């Protein structure tokens, strides 16, 4: 055991959570996003008509999209998706629309068809989990999810 004048030095120090896209400060009100026209008002991003005179910034969701750095990954596997793709994509877009209405920073970034699966990337963890749970409720199947690095990312997998 190593003791110095400031106490023990052999303990693990927990680092503060660090998320590049989490705002550490409050923006002056009103502030609008230059990309999507979301408005930062009363301490949160919302969908209002942008005021005539407002500060201009890029919101964290648009920044994530520009950097191509998703927070949520949803993998859909199995032949069931290939045969029911249109109706499942309608469900996915409806869930995104509801989530985006409540939380402007939660959006689908991209939907990519691979050989054995379809990958949906999102700007936030809530959208990926919500879509995965909606698919599981509607079509059953196996749903699993795992949070990574301090609950700032999520990987959801659905198969049937």
N, C-alpha and C. Protein backbone atom coordinates (compact mmCIF):
# COMPACT_ATOMS: atom_id res chain seq x y z
N UNK A 1 0.84 -1.18 0.00
CA UNK A 1 0.00 0.00 0.00
C UNK A 1 0.89 1.24 0.00
N UNK A 2 0.55 2.16 -0.86
CA UNK A 2 1.34 3.38 -1.02
C UNK A 2 0.54 4.53 -0.45
N UNK A 3 1.02 5.12 0.62
CA UNK A 3 0.33 6.27 1.22
C UNK A 3 1.22 7.49 1.10
N UNK A 4 0.62 8.55 0.65
CA UNK A 4 1.33 9.81 0.59
C UNK A 4 0.65 10.79 1.53
N UNK A 5 1.01 12.04 1.46
CA UNK A 5 0.41 13.02 2.34
C UNK A 5 -1.05 13.31 1.96
N UNK A 6 -1.46 12.94 0.73
CA UNK A 6 -2.83 13.19 0.28
C UNK A 6 -3.69 11.93 0.32
N UNK A 7 -3.25 10.88 0.97
CA UNK A 7 -4.05 9.66 1.09
C UNK A 7 -3.54 8.57 0.17
N UNK A 8 -4.38 7.57 0.01
CA UNK A 8 -4.00 6.40 -0.78
C UNK A 8 -3.85 6.75 -2.25
N UNK A 9 -2.85 6.14 -2.87
CA UNK A 9 -2.63 6.37 -4.30
C UNK A 9 -2.84 5.10 -5.13
N UNK A 10 -3.26 4.01 -4.49
CA UNK A 10 -3.43 2.77 -5.23
C UNK A 10 -4.90 2.50 -5.57
N UNK A 11 -5.75 3.47 -5.49
CA UNK A 11 -7.17 3.27 -5.80
C UNK A 11 -7.45 3.71 -7.24
N UNK A 12 -8.51 3.16 -7.78
CA UNK A 12 -8.91 3.55 -9.13
C UNK A 12 -9.73 4.83 -9.07
N UNK A 13 -9.40 5.76 -9.89
CA UNK A 13 -10.12 7.02 -9.94
C UNK A 13 -11.15 6.92 -11.06
N UNK A 14 -12.40 7.14 -10.72
CA UNK A 14 -13.46 7.10 -11.72
C UNK A 14 -13.45 8.40 -12.51
N UNK A 15 -13.29 8.25 -13.80
CA UNK A 15 -13.27 9.41 -14.67
C UNK A 15 -14.70 9.90 -14.88
N UNK A 16 -14.86 11.20 -15.01
CA UNK A 16 -16.17 11.75 -15.31
C UNK A 16 -16.64 11.23 -16.65
N UNK A 17 -17.95 11.07 -16.79
CA UNK A 17 -18.48 10.64 -18.07
C UNK A 17 -18.18 11.72 -19.11
N UNK A 18 -17.72 11.24 -20.24
CA UNK A 18 -17.38 12.19 -21.29
C UNK A 18 -18.11 11.80 -22.57
N UNK A 19 -18.94 12.68 -23.05
CA UNK A 19 -19.64 12.48 -24.31
C UNK A 19 -19.41 13.73 -25.14
N UNK A 20 -18.79 13.56 -26.28
CA UNK A 20 -18.45 14.69 -27.14
C UNK A 20 -19.67 15.47 -27.56
N UNK A 21 -20.78 14.79 -27.75
CA UNK A 21 -21.97 15.43 -28.29
C UNK A 21 -22.94 15.91 -27.21
N UNK A 22 -22.64 15.67 -25.96
CA UNK A 22 -23.47 16.18 -24.87
C UNK A 22 -23.04 17.61 -24.59
N UNK A 23 -24.03 18.46 -24.51
CA UNK A 23 -23.71 19.87 -24.31
C UNK A 23 -23.36 20.12 -22.84
N UNK A 24 -22.21 20.69 -22.61
CA UNK A 24 -21.77 20.97 -21.26
C UNK A 24 -22.25 22.32 -20.76
N UNK A 25 -22.85 23.09 -21.64
CA UNK A 25 -23.30 24.42 -21.28
C UNK A 25 -24.69 24.65 -21.85
N UNK A 26 -25.30 25.69 -21.40
CA UNK A 26 -26.59 26.07 -21.96
C UNK A 26 -26.35 27.13 -23.02
N UNK A 27 -27.07 26.97 -24.11
CA UNK A 27 -26.98 27.95 -25.19
C UNK A 27 -27.80 29.17 -24.82
N UNK A 28 -27.43 30.35 -25.33
CA UNK A 28 -28.27 31.53 -25.11
C UNK A 28 -29.61 31.33 -25.82
N UNK A 29 -30.66 31.81 -25.21
CA UNK A 29 -31.99 31.60 -25.79
C UNK A 29 -32.44 32.81 -26.56
N UNK A 30 -33.09 32.66 -27.66
CA UNK A 30 -33.29 31.42 -28.41
C UNK A 30 -32.10 31.15 -29.32
N UNK A 31 -31.84 29.88 -29.54
CA UNK A 31 -30.81 29.42 -30.45
C UNK A 31 -31.44 28.44 -31.43
N UNK A 32 -31.13 28.56 -32.70
CA UNK A 32 -31.67 27.64 -33.69
C UNK A 32 -30.54 26.85 -34.36
N UNK A 33 -30.89 25.66 -34.82
CA UNK A 33 -29.94 24.83 -35.55
C UNK A 33 -29.95 25.28 -37.01
N UNK A 34 -28.78 25.43 -37.56
CA UNK A 34 -28.68 25.88 -38.95
C UNK A 34 -29.09 24.79 -39.94
N UNK A 35 -29.06 23.52 -39.51
CA UNK A 35 -29.37 22.42 -40.41
C UNK A 35 -30.85 22.02 -40.38
N UNK A 36 -31.40 21.79 -39.19
CA UNK A 36 -32.74 21.23 -39.08
C UNK A 36 -33.78 22.21 -38.54
N UNK A 37 -33.38 23.39 -38.14
CA UNK A 37 -34.25 24.43 -37.61
C UNK A 37 -34.88 24.09 -36.27
N UNK A 38 -34.29 23.16 -35.51
CA UNK A 38 -34.74 22.92 -34.14
C UNK A 38 -34.36 24.15 -33.32
N UNK A 39 -35.14 24.43 -32.29
CA UNK A 39 -34.94 25.63 -31.49
C UNK A 39 -34.58 25.22 -30.06
N UNK A 40 -33.52 25.81 -29.53
CA UNK A 40 -33.13 25.60 -28.14
C UNK A 40 -33.79 26.69 -27.32
N UNK A 41 -34.76 26.27 -26.50
CA UNK A 41 -35.50 27.21 -25.69
C UNK A 41 -35.88 26.54 -24.38
N UNK A 42 -35.83 27.28 -23.30
CA UNK A 42 -36.13 26.79 -21.96
C UNK A 42 -35.26 25.58 -21.59
N UNK A 43 -34.01 25.59 -22.03
CA UNK A 43 -33.07 24.57 -21.64
C UNK A 43 -33.12 23.27 -22.41
N UNK A 44 -33.88 23.22 -23.51
CA UNK A 44 -33.94 21.99 -24.29
C UNK A 44 -34.21 22.29 -25.76
N UNK A 45 -33.89 21.32 -26.62
CA UNK A 45 -34.16 21.45 -28.04
C UNK A 45 -35.59 21.04 -28.31
N UNK A 46 -36.33 21.86 -29.05
CA UNK A 46 -37.73 21.59 -29.37
C UNK A 46 -38.01 21.97 -30.82
N UNK A 47 -39.20 21.64 -31.26
CA UNK A 47 -39.64 22.02 -32.59
C UNK A 47 -40.59 23.19 -32.49
N UNK A 48 -40.11 24.38 -32.62
CA UNK A 48 -40.90 25.60 -32.70
C UNK A 48 -40.53 26.30 -34.00
N UNK A 49 -41.36 27.25 -34.39
CA UNK A 49 -40.97 28.08 -35.52
C UNK A 49 -39.75 28.89 -35.11
N UNK A 50 -38.71 28.90 -35.92
CA UNK A 50 -37.51 29.64 -35.52
C UNK A 50 -37.79 31.14 -35.44
N UNK A 51 -37.38 31.77 -34.35
CA UNK A 51 -37.56 33.21 -34.23
C UNK A 51 -36.73 33.96 -35.27
N UNK A 52 -37.13 35.18 -35.54
CA UNK A 52 -36.43 35.99 -36.54
C UNK A 52 -35.00 36.28 -36.12
N UNK A 53 -34.82 36.62 -34.86
CA UNK A 53 -33.48 36.93 -34.37
C UNK A 53 -33.10 35.87 -33.35
N UNK A 54 -32.20 35.00 -33.73
CA UNK A 54 -31.75 33.94 -32.84
C UNK A 54 -30.30 33.60 -33.13
N UNK A 55 -29.64 33.04 -32.14
CA UNK A 55 -28.27 32.56 -32.34
C UNK A 55 -28.31 31.35 -33.26
N UNK A 56 -27.28 31.15 -34.03
CA UNK A 56 -27.21 30.05 -34.98
C UNK A 56 -26.09 29.09 -34.58
N UNK A 57 -26.42 27.81 -34.38
CA UNK A 57 -25.44 26.76 -34.09
C UNK A 57 -25.89 25.49 -34.81
N UNK A 58 -25.08 24.47 -34.74
CA UNK A 58 -25.46 23.16 -35.23
C UNK A 58 -25.80 22.30 -34.02
N UNK A 59 -27.00 21.73 -34.01
CA UNK A 59 -27.44 20.93 -32.85
C UNK A 59 -26.62 19.63 -32.78
N UNK A 60 -26.58 18.98 -31.62
CA UNK A 60 -25.80 17.75 -31.48
C UNK A 60 -26.21 16.64 -32.45
N UNK A 61 -27.49 16.52 -32.78
CA UNK A 61 -27.93 15.47 -33.70
C UNK A 61 -27.39 15.73 -35.10
N UNK A 62 -27.48 16.95 -35.56
CA UNK A 62 -26.94 17.27 -36.89
C UNK A 62 -25.42 17.13 -36.91
N UNK A 63 -24.77 17.42 -35.79
CA UNK A 63 -23.32 17.24 -35.71
C UNK A 63 -22.95 15.77 -35.79
N UNK A 64 -23.73 14.92 -35.11
CA UNK A 64 -23.50 13.47 -35.19
C UNK A 64 -23.67 12.96 -36.61
N UNK A 65 -24.70 13.46 -37.30
CA UNK A 65 -24.95 13.04 -38.68
C UNK A 65 -23.81 13.49 -39.58
N UNK A 66 -23.34 14.71 -39.39
CA UNK A 66 -22.23 15.22 -40.20
C UNK A 66 -20.94 14.44 -39.95
N UNK A 67 -20.72 14.04 -38.70
CA UNK A 67 -19.51 13.28 -38.34
C UNK A 67 -19.67 11.78 -38.61
N UNK A 68 -20.88 11.34 -38.94
CA UNK A 68 -21.20 9.92 -39.13
C UNK A 68 -20.77 9.12 -37.91
N UNK A 69 -21.25 9.55 -36.73
CA UNK A 69 -20.90 8.92 -35.46
C UNK A 69 -22.19 8.59 -34.71
N UNK A 70 -22.81 7.44 -35.02
CA UNK A 70 -24.09 7.11 -34.40
C UNK A 70 -23.97 6.73 -32.94
N UNK A 71 -25.06 6.92 -32.20
CA UNK A 71 -25.14 6.49 -30.81
C UNK A 71 -25.90 5.19 -30.68
N UNK A 72 -26.76 4.88 -31.65
CA UNK A 72 -27.54 3.66 -31.61
C UNK A 72 -27.38 2.84 -32.87
N UNK A 73 -27.27 1.55 -32.69
CA UNK A 73 -27.17 0.61 -33.80
C UNK A 73 -28.27 -0.43 -33.63
N UNK A 74 -29.06 -0.65 -34.66
CA UNK A 74 -30.12 -1.65 -34.63
C UNK A 74 -29.89 -2.61 -35.79
N UNK A 75 -29.59 -3.87 -35.47
CA UNK A 75 -29.38 -4.90 -36.49
C UNK A 75 -30.63 -5.75 -36.59
N UNK A 76 -31.17 -5.87 -37.78
CA UNK A 76 -32.34 -6.71 -38.02
C UNK A 76 -31.87 -7.87 -38.89
N UNK A 77 -32.01 -9.10 -38.36
CA UNK A 77 -31.54 -10.29 -39.06
C UNK A 77 -32.70 -11.22 -39.37
N UNK A 78 -32.52 -12.03 -40.38
CA UNK A 78 -33.48 -13.07 -40.71
C UNK A 78 -34.24 -12.79 -41.99
N UNK A 79 -34.82 -13.84 -42.53
CA UNK A 79 -35.57 -13.73 -43.77
C UNK A 79 -36.92 -13.04 -43.58
N UNK A 80 -37.40 -13.01 -42.33
CA UNK A 80 -38.70 -12.38 -42.08
C UNK A 80 -38.69 -10.91 -42.50
N UNK A 81 -37.59 -10.23 -42.22
CA UNK A 81 -37.49 -8.81 -42.60
C UNK A 81 -37.51 -8.65 -44.12
N UNK A 82 -36.84 -9.53 -44.82
CA UNK A 82 -36.80 -9.43 -46.29
C UNK A 82 -38.18 -9.60 -46.90
N UNK A 83 -39.00 -10.49 -46.32
CA UNK A 83 -40.34 -10.72 -46.87
C UNK A 83 -41.36 -9.69 -46.42
N UNK A 84 -41.12 -9.02 -45.28
CA UNK A 84 -42.05 -8.02 -44.74
C UNK A 84 -41.40 -6.64 -44.64
N UNK A 85 -40.51 -6.35 -45.54
CA UNK A 85 -39.69 -5.15 -45.45
C UNK A 85 -40.51 -3.87 -45.48
N UNK A 86 -41.49 -3.76 -46.37
CA UNK A 86 -42.26 -2.52 -46.50
C UNK A 86 -43.02 -2.18 -45.23
N UNK A 87 -43.73 -3.16 -44.67
CA UNK A 87 -44.52 -2.87 -43.47
C UNK A 87 -43.64 -2.63 -42.26
N UNK A 88 -42.49 -3.33 -42.18
CA UNK A 88 -41.58 -3.10 -41.06
C UNK A 88 -40.92 -1.73 -41.16
N UNK A 89 -40.58 -1.30 -42.38
CA UNK A 89 -40.00 0.05 -42.54
C UNK A 89 -41.03 1.12 -42.19
N UNK A 90 -42.30 0.88 -42.50
CA UNK A 90 -43.35 1.82 -42.08
C UNK A 90 -43.40 1.93 -40.57
N UNK A 91 -43.33 0.80 -39.88
CA UNK A 91 -43.31 0.80 -38.41
C UNK A 91 -42.09 1.55 -37.90
N UNK A 92 -40.95 1.32 -38.50
CA UNK A 92 -39.70 1.97 -38.07
C UNK A 92 -39.81 3.48 -38.24
N UNK A 93 -40.30 3.94 -39.39
CA UNK A 93 -40.41 5.38 -39.62
C UNK A 93 -41.49 6.01 -38.73
N UNK A 94 -42.55 5.29 -38.42
CA UNK A 94 -43.57 5.83 -37.51
C UNK A 94 -43.02 5.97 -36.10
N UNK A 95 -42.25 5.00 -35.64
CA UNK A 95 -41.63 5.11 -34.31
C UNK A 95 -40.64 6.27 -34.26
N UNK A 96 -39.87 6.42 -35.34
CA UNK A 96 -38.92 7.54 -35.39
C UNK A 96 -39.65 8.88 -35.38
N UNK A 97 -40.76 8.95 -36.08
CA UNK A 97 -41.53 10.19 -36.13
C UNK A 97 -42.06 10.56 -34.75
N UNK A 98 -42.56 9.58 -34.01
CA UNK A 98 -43.04 9.85 -32.65
C UNK A 98 -41.90 10.27 -31.74
N UNK A 99 -40.79 9.55 -31.79
CA UNK A 99 -39.65 9.88 -30.93
C UNK A 99 -39.07 11.24 -31.29
N UNK A 100 -38.98 11.53 -32.56
CA UNK A 100 -38.43 12.81 -33.02
C UNK A 100 -39.35 13.96 -32.61
N UNK A 101 -40.65 13.72 -32.56
CA UNK A 101 -41.58 14.75 -32.12
C UNK A 101 -41.38 15.12 -30.66
N UNK A 102 -41.05 14.12 -29.84
CA UNK A 102 -40.82 14.36 -28.41
C UNK A 102 -39.40 14.84 -28.13
N UNK A 103 -38.44 14.28 -28.86
CA UNK A 103 -37.03 14.59 -28.66
C UNK A 103 -36.39 14.89 -30.01
N UNK A 104 -36.19 16.15 -30.36
CA UNK A 104 -35.65 16.50 -31.67
C UNK A 104 -34.24 15.95 -31.94
N UNK A 105 -33.51 15.59 -30.91
CA UNK A 105 -32.15 15.10 -31.12
C UNK A 105 -32.11 13.60 -31.39
N UNK A 106 -33.26 12.94 -31.40
CA UNK A 106 -33.34 11.50 -31.64
C UNK A 106 -33.84 11.26 -33.05
N UNK A 107 -32.95 10.79 -33.94
CA UNK A 107 -33.30 10.61 -35.34
C UNK A 107 -32.63 9.37 -35.91
N UNK A 108 -33.19 8.89 -37.02
CA UNK A 108 -32.53 7.83 -37.77
C UNK A 108 -31.48 8.49 -38.67
N UNK A 109 -30.27 7.96 -38.63
CA UNK A 109 -29.20 8.49 -39.47
C UNK A 109 -29.18 7.81 -40.83
N UNK A 110 -29.24 6.46 -40.81
CA UNK A 110 -29.09 5.73 -42.06
C UNK A 110 -29.66 4.32 -41.90
N UNK A 111 -30.14 3.77 -42.99
CA UNK A 111 -30.57 2.38 -43.06
C UNK A 111 -29.76 1.72 -44.16
N UNK A 112 -28.97 0.71 -43.79
CA UNK A 112 -28.06 0.05 -44.72
C UNK A 112 -28.42 -1.43 -44.83
N UNK A 113 -28.63 -1.89 -46.05
CA UNK A 113 -28.88 -3.31 -46.30
C UNK A 113 -27.55 -4.02 -46.56
N UNK A 114 -27.24 -4.98 -45.71
CA UNK A 114 -26.07 -5.83 -45.92
C UNK A 114 -26.56 -7.19 -46.43
N UNK A 115 -25.65 -8.13 -46.63
CA UNK A 115 -26.04 -9.44 -47.15
C UNK A 115 -26.92 -10.20 -46.17
N UNK A 116 -26.52 -10.24 -44.90
CA UNK A 116 -27.23 -11.07 -43.93
C UNK A 116 -28.08 -10.28 -42.94
N UNK A 117 -27.99 -8.97 -42.95
CA UNK A 117 -28.76 -8.17 -41.99
C UNK A 117 -28.98 -6.76 -42.53
N UNK A 118 -29.84 -6.03 -41.86
CA UNK A 118 -30.07 -4.61 -42.16
C UNK A 118 -29.64 -3.82 -40.93
N UNK A 119 -28.86 -2.78 -41.12
CA UNK A 119 -28.35 -1.97 -40.02
C UNK A 119 -29.00 -0.59 -40.06
N UNK A 120 -29.59 -0.22 -38.93
CA UNK A 120 -30.18 1.11 -38.78
C UNK A 120 -29.36 1.84 -37.73
N UNK A 121 -28.84 3.01 -38.09
CA UNK A 121 -28.07 3.81 -37.14
C UNK A 121 -28.89 5.02 -36.73
N UNK A 122 -28.77 5.41 -35.46
CA UNK A 122 -29.55 6.52 -34.92
C UNK A 122 -28.65 7.50 -34.20
N UNK A 123 -29.15 8.70 -34.01
CA UNK A 123 -28.38 9.74 -33.32
C UNK A 123 -28.45 9.61 -31.81
N UNK A 124 -29.39 8.83 -31.30
CA UNK A 124 -29.53 8.66 -29.86
C UNK A 124 -29.87 7.23 -29.51
N UNK A 125 -29.72 6.91 -28.23
CA UNK A 125 -29.97 5.55 -27.78
C UNK A 125 -31.47 5.26 -27.66
N UNK A 126 -32.27 6.28 -27.39
CA UNK A 126 -33.71 6.06 -27.19
C UNK A 126 -34.40 5.58 -28.46
N UNK A 127 -34.04 6.14 -29.59
CA UNK A 127 -34.68 5.77 -30.85
C UNK A 127 -34.38 4.31 -31.20
N UNK A 128 -33.14 3.90 -31.07
CA UNK A 128 -32.78 2.52 -31.40
C UNK A 128 -33.53 1.53 -30.50
N UNK A 129 -33.58 1.82 -29.22
CA UNK A 129 -34.28 0.91 -28.31
C UNK A 129 -35.78 0.92 -28.56
N UNK A 130 -36.34 2.09 -28.79
CA UNK A 130 -37.78 2.18 -29.04
C UNK A 130 -38.17 1.42 -30.31
N UNK A 131 -37.40 1.56 -31.37
CA UNK A 131 -37.69 0.85 -32.62
C UNK A 131 -37.56 -0.66 -32.40
N UNK A 132 -36.51 -1.08 -31.72
CA UNK A 132 -36.32 -2.51 -31.45
C UNK A 132 -37.47 -3.09 -30.64
N UNK A 133 -37.92 -2.38 -29.62
CA UNK A 133 -39.03 -2.87 -28.81
C UNK A 133 -40.34 -2.89 -29.60
N UNK A 134 -40.55 -1.91 -30.47
CA UNK A 134 -41.76 -1.89 -31.29
C UNK A 134 -41.78 -3.06 -32.27
N UNK A 135 -40.64 -3.35 -32.88
CA UNK A 135 -40.56 -4.49 -33.79
C UNK A 135 -40.81 -5.79 -33.04
N UNK A 136 -40.25 -5.90 -31.84
CA UNK A 136 -40.43 -7.11 -31.04
C UNK A 136 -41.89 -7.29 -30.62
N UNK A 137 -42.56 -6.20 -30.25
CA UNK A 137 -43.99 -6.28 -29.88
C UNK A 137 -44.84 -6.68 -31.07
N UNK A 138 -44.55 -6.12 -32.23
CA UNK A 138 -45.38 -6.35 -33.40
C UNK A 138 -45.11 -7.70 -34.07
N UNK A 139 -43.86 -8.13 -34.11
CA UNK A 139 -43.51 -9.32 -34.88
C UNK A 139 -42.84 -10.41 -34.06
N UNK A 140 -42.84 -10.27 -32.74
CA UNK A 140 -42.16 -11.21 -31.84
C UNK A 140 -40.69 -11.32 -32.24
N UNK A 141 -40.11 -12.50 -32.19
CA UNK A 141 -38.70 -12.64 -32.52
C UNK A 141 -37.83 -12.47 -31.29
N UNK A 142 -36.53 -12.53 -31.48
CA UNK A 142 -35.55 -12.42 -30.40
C UNK A 142 -34.97 -11.01 -30.39
N UNK A 143 -35.12 -10.32 -29.28
CA UNK A 143 -34.60 -8.96 -29.12
C UNK A 143 -33.54 -8.96 -28.04
N UNK A 144 -32.41 -8.36 -28.33
CA UNK A 144 -31.38 -8.18 -27.31
C UNK A 144 -30.76 -6.80 -27.50
N UNK A 145 -30.30 -6.25 -26.40
CA UNK A 145 -29.61 -4.96 -26.49
C UNK A 145 -28.51 -4.90 -25.46
N UNK A 146 -27.49 -4.14 -25.79
CA UNK A 146 -26.34 -3.98 -24.91
C UNK A 146 -25.88 -2.53 -24.97
N UNK A 147 -25.69 -1.95 -23.80
CA UNK A 147 -25.17 -0.59 -23.72
C UNK A 147 -23.66 -0.64 -23.71
N UNK A 148 -23.05 0.35 -24.32
CA UNK A 148 -21.60 0.42 -24.35
C UNK A 148 -21.11 1.71 -23.74
N UNK A 149 -19.88 1.76 -23.41
CA UNK A 149 -19.16 2.89 -22.83
C UNK A 149 -20.02 3.91 -22.09
N UNK A 150 -20.45 3.53 -20.88
CA UNK A 150 -21.15 4.46 -20.00
C UNK A 150 -22.54 4.85 -20.46
N UNK A 151 -23.23 3.95 -21.13
CA UNK A 151 -24.60 4.17 -21.59
C UNK A 151 -24.73 5.34 -22.57
N UNK A 152 -23.68 5.59 -23.34
CA UNK A 152 -23.76 6.63 -24.37
C UNK A 152 -24.04 6.02 -25.73
N UNK A 153 -23.88 4.70 -25.85
CA UNK A 153 -24.20 4.00 -27.09
C UNK A 153 -25.00 2.75 -26.75
N UNK A 154 -25.74 2.27 -27.75
CA UNK A 154 -26.52 1.05 -27.59
C UNK A 154 -26.45 0.25 -28.87
N UNK A 155 -26.42 -1.06 -28.72
CA UNK A 155 -26.48 -1.97 -29.86
C UNK A 155 -27.66 -2.89 -29.63
N UNK A 156 -28.66 -2.78 -30.51
CA UNK A 156 -29.89 -3.57 -30.42
C UNK A 156 -29.86 -4.58 -31.56
N UNK A 157 -30.24 -5.81 -31.25
CA UNK A 157 -30.29 -6.85 -32.28
C UNK A 157 -31.65 -7.54 -32.22
N UNK A 158 -32.29 -7.66 -33.38
CA UNK A 158 -33.57 -8.37 -33.51
C UNK A 158 -33.44 -9.40 -34.61
N UNK A 159 -33.95 -10.60 -34.34
CA UNK A 159 -33.86 -11.66 -35.35
C UNK A 159 -35.14 -12.49 -35.32
N UNK A 160 -35.53 -12.93 -36.52
CA UNK A 160 -36.64 -13.87 -36.66
C UNK A 160 -36.52 -14.53 -38.01
